[in-house]
Amino acid sequence: DTEKLIAHYFPNICFAAVFGQREGINVKPDPTIVHDILTIARTDKEDALYVGDSGVDMQTAANAGITACGVTWGFRPRTELEAFRPEYIVNEASEILTIAMSR
């Protein structure tokens, strides 16, 4: 489950919200989950960065009207990310911080 993975891999990060698939909520690329998290975090979509490793993630960001950042170390090839033309594609996690700090 998503919450257990987050607790294991990111124990020192206090996330505003952690959601996996929820009953009665449309799945990605429907933007509902993104809108829910933005509401909980009290963050405007212009201040958000959607980071993902698949075309579905890039579609979700586009559907939510949020800047997309594809990561190349996921389970899908870089070409899949490129097909959706995200604003950013990164090869290292540290690049995400650089992008987030420049926004």
C-alpha atoms as a PDB file:
ATOM      1  CA  ASP A   1       0.000   0.000   0.000  1.00  0.00           C
ATOM      2  CA  THR A   2       1.190   3.514  -0.806  1.00  0.00           C
ATOM      3  CA  GLU A   3       1.302   4.775   2.784  1.00  0.00           C
ATOM      4  CA  LYS A   4       3.531   1.861   3.875  1.00  0.00           C
ATOM      5  CA  LEU A   5       5.948   2.457   0.984  1.00  0.00           C
ATOM      6  CA  ILE A   6       6.188   6.158   1.788  1.00  0.00           C
ATOM      7  CA  ALA A   7       6.752   5.430   5.491  1.00  0.00           C
ATOM      8  CA  HIS A   8       9.518   2.948   4.615  1.00  0.00           C
ATOM      9  CA  TYR A   9      11.376   4.934   1.953  1.00  0.00           C
ATOM     10  CA  PHE A  10      10.759   8.483   3.189  1.00  0.00           C
ATOM     11  CA  PRO A  11      10.463   8.224   6.985  1.00  0.00           C
ATOM     12  CA  ASN A  12      11.766  11.734   7.633  1.00  0.00           C
ATOM     13  CA  ILE A  13       9.519  13.596   5.206  1.00  0.00           C
ATOM     14  CA  CYS A  14       6.207  15.003   6.390  1.00  0.00           C
ATOM     15  CA  PHE A  15       3.930  14.798   3.352  1.00  0.00           C
ATOM     16  CA  ALA A  16       0.754  16.885   3.282  1.00  0.00           C
ATOM     17  CA  ALA A  17      -1.121  13.909   1.801  1.00  0.00           C
ATOM     18  CA  VAL A  18      -0.389  10.403   0.556  1.00  0.00           C
ATOM     19  CA  PHE A  19      -2.955   8.724  -1.653  1.00  0.00           C
ATOM     20  CA  GLY A  20      -2.949   5.516  -3.607  1.00  0.00           C
ATOM     21  CA  GLN A  21      -5.958   4.186  -5.446  1.00  0.00           C
ATOM     22  CA  ARG A  22      -9.146   4.966  -3.520  1.00  0.00           C
ATOM     23  CA  GLU A  23     -12.528   3.349  -3.915  1.00  0.00           C
ATOM     24  CA  GLY A  24     -14.971   5.597  -5.734  1.00  0.00           C
ATOM     25  CA  ILE A  25     -12.236   7.928  -7.026  1.00  0.00           C
ATOM     26  CA  ASN A  26     -11.249   7.834 -10.688  1.00  0.00           C
ATOM     27  CA  VAL A  27      -7.712   6.652 -11.361  1.00  0.00           C
ATOM     28  CA  LYS A  28      -4.966   8.448 -13.277  1.00  0.00           C
ATOM     29  CA  PRO A  29      -4.936  10.159 -15.705  1.00  0.00           C
ATOM     30  CA  ASP A  30      -8.073  11.652 -14.127  1.00  0.00           C
ATOM     31  CA  PRO A  31      -6.828  14.692 -12.165  1.00  0.00           C
ATOM     32  CA  THR A  32      -9.109  14.226  -9.128  1.00  0.00           C
ATOM     33  CA  ILE A  33      -6.330  12.946  -6.850  1.00  0.00           C
ATOM     34  CA  VAL A  34      -4.115  15.893  -7.818  1.00  0.00           C
ATOM     35  CA  HIS A  35      -6.876  18.391  -7.070  1.00  0.00           C
ATOM     36  CA  ASP A  36      -7.530  16.676  -3.722  1.00  0.00           C
ATOM     37  CA  ILE A  37      -3.867  16.926  -2.712  1.00  0.00           C
ATOM     38  CA  LEU A  38      -3.624  20.562  -3.801  1.00  0.00           C
ATOM     39  CA  THR A  39      -6.670  21.383  -1.689  1.00  0.00           C
ATOM     40  CA  ILE A  40      -5.285  19.594   1.368  1.00  0.00           C
ATOM     41  CA  ALA A  41      -1.875  21.240   0.917  1.00  0.00           C
ATOM     42  CA  ARG A  42      -3.485  24.630   0.249  1.00  0.00           C
ATOM     43  CA  THR A  43      -1.288  24.997  -2.819  1.00  0.00           C
ATOM     44  CA  ASP A  44      -2.073  26.568  -6.173  1.00  0.00           C
ATOM     45  CA  LYS A  45      -1.463  24.399  -9.222  1.00  0.00           C
ATOM     46  CA  GLU A  46       0.953  27.038 -10.530  1.00  0.00           C
ATOM     47  CA  ASP A  47       3.190  26.284  -7.531  1.00  0.00           C
ATOM     48  CA  ALA A  48       3.092  22.500  -7.956  1.00  0.00           C
ATOM     49  CA  LEU A  49       5.380  20.116  -9.829  1.00  0.00           C
ATOM     50  CA  TYR A  50       4.034  16.697 -10.812  1.00  0.00           C
ATOM     51  CA  VAL A  51       6.848  14.146 -10.854  1.00  0.00           C
ATOM     52  CA  GLY A  52       6.239  10.782 -12.461  1.00  0.00           C
ATOM     53  CA  ASP A  53       7.776   7.950 -14.427  1.00  0.00           C
ATOM     54  CA  SER A  54       5.137   7.135 -17.030  1.00  0.00           C
ATOM     55  CA  GLY A  55       3.048   8.527 -19.824  1.00  0.00           C
ATOM     56  CA  VAL A  56      -0.011   8.205 -17.599  1.00  0.00           C
ATOM     57  CA  ASP A  57       1.711  10.441 -15.055  1.00  0.00           C
ATOM     58  CA  MET A  58       2.471  13.011 -17.741  1.00  0.00           C
ATOM     59  CA  GLN A  59      -1.186  12.857 -18.876  1.00  0.00           C
ATOM     60  CA  THR A  60      -2.347  13.292 -15.282  1.00  0.00           C
ATOM     61  CA  ALA A  61      -0.218  16.415 -14.879  1.00  0.00           C
ATOM     62  CA  ALA A  62      -1.560  17.835 -18.146  1.00  0.00           C
ATOM     63  CA  ASN A  63      -5.158  17.050 -17.161  1.00  0.00           C
ATOM     64  CA  ALA A  64      -4.606  18.808 -13.825  1.00  0.00           C
ATOM     65  CA  GLY A  65      -2.946  21.804 -15.468  1.00  0.00           C
ATOM     66  CA  ILE A  66       0.285  21.240 -13.540  1.00  0.00           C
ATOM     67  CA  THR A  67       3.898  21.390 -14.725  1.00  0.00           C
ATOM     68  CA  ALA A  68       5.183  17.861 -15.385  1.00  0.00           C
ATOM     69  CA  CYS A  69       8.588  16.389 -14.630  1.00  0.00           C
ATOM     70  CA  GLY A  70       9.339  12.923 -15.981  1.00  0.00           C
ATOM     71  CA  VAL A  71      11.955  10.740 -14.316  1.00  0.00           C
ATOM     72  CA  THR A  72      13.987   8.281 -16.373  1.00  0.00           C
ATOM     73  CA  TRP A  73      14.581   5.679 -13.655  1.00  0.00           C
ATOM     74  CA  GLY A  74      11.023   4.348 -13.614  1.00  0.00           C
ATOM     75  CA  PHE A  75       9.579   1.282 -15.258  1.00  0.00           C
ATOM     76  CA  ARG A  76       8.783   2.978 -18.591  1.00  0.00           C
ATOM     77  CA  PRO A  77      11.217   4.086 -21.297  1.00  0.00           C
ATOM     78  CA  ARG A  78      12.301   7.713 -21.713  1.00  0.00           C
ATOM     79  CA  THR A  79      10.651   7.753 -25.144  1.00  0.00           C
ATOM     80  CA  GLU A  80       7.256   7.294 -23.489  1.00  0.00           C
ATOM     81  CA  LEU A  81       7.861  10.377 -21.355  1.00  0.00           C
ATOM     82  CA  GLU A  82       9.106  12.362 -24.351  1.00  0.00           C
ATOM     83  CA  ALA A  83       5.940  11.556 -26.304  1.00  0.00           C
ATOM     84  CA  PHE A  84       3.942  13.608 -23.775  1.00  0.00           C
ATOM     85  CA  ARG A  85       6.343  16.575 -23.915  1.00  0.00           C
ATOM     86  CA  PRO A  86       6.676  17.318 -20.189  1.00  0.00           C
ATOM     87  CA  GLU A  87       8.387  20.578 -19.317  1.00  0.00           C
ATOM     88  CA  TYR A  88      11.189  18.604 -17.632  1.00  0.00           C
ATOM     89  CA  ILE A  89      12.759  15.148 -17.897  1.00  0.00           C
ATOM     90  CA  VAL A  90      15.428  14.322 -15.329  1.00  0.00           C
ATOM     91  CA  ASN A  91      17.946  11.528 -14.867  1.00  0.00           C
ATOM     92  CA  GLU A  92      18.814  12.158 -11.209  1.00  0.00           C
ATOM     93  CA  ALA A  93      16.623  12.846  -8.174  1.00  0.00           C
ATOM     94  CA  SER A  94      18.753  15.855  -7.238  1.00  0.00           C
ATOM     95  CA  GLU A  95      17.595  17.560 -10.445  1.00  0.00           C
ATOM     96  CA  ILE A  96      14.042  17.652  -9.083  1.00  0.00           C
ATOM     97  CA  LEU A  97      15.144  19.792  -6.144  1.00  0.00           C
ATOM     98  CA  THR A  98      16.912  22.185  -8.490  1.00  0.00           C
ATOM     99  CA  ILE A  99      13.742  22.534 -10.578  1.00  0.00           C
ATOM    100  CA  ALA A 100      11.509  22.963  -7.539  1.00  0.00           C
ATOM    101  CA  MET A 101      13.768  25.630  -6.037  1.00  0.00           C
ATOM    102  CA  SER A 102      13.810  27.619  -9.285  1.00  0.00           C
ATOM    103  CA  ARG A 103      10.031  27.803  -9.586  1.00  0.00           C
END
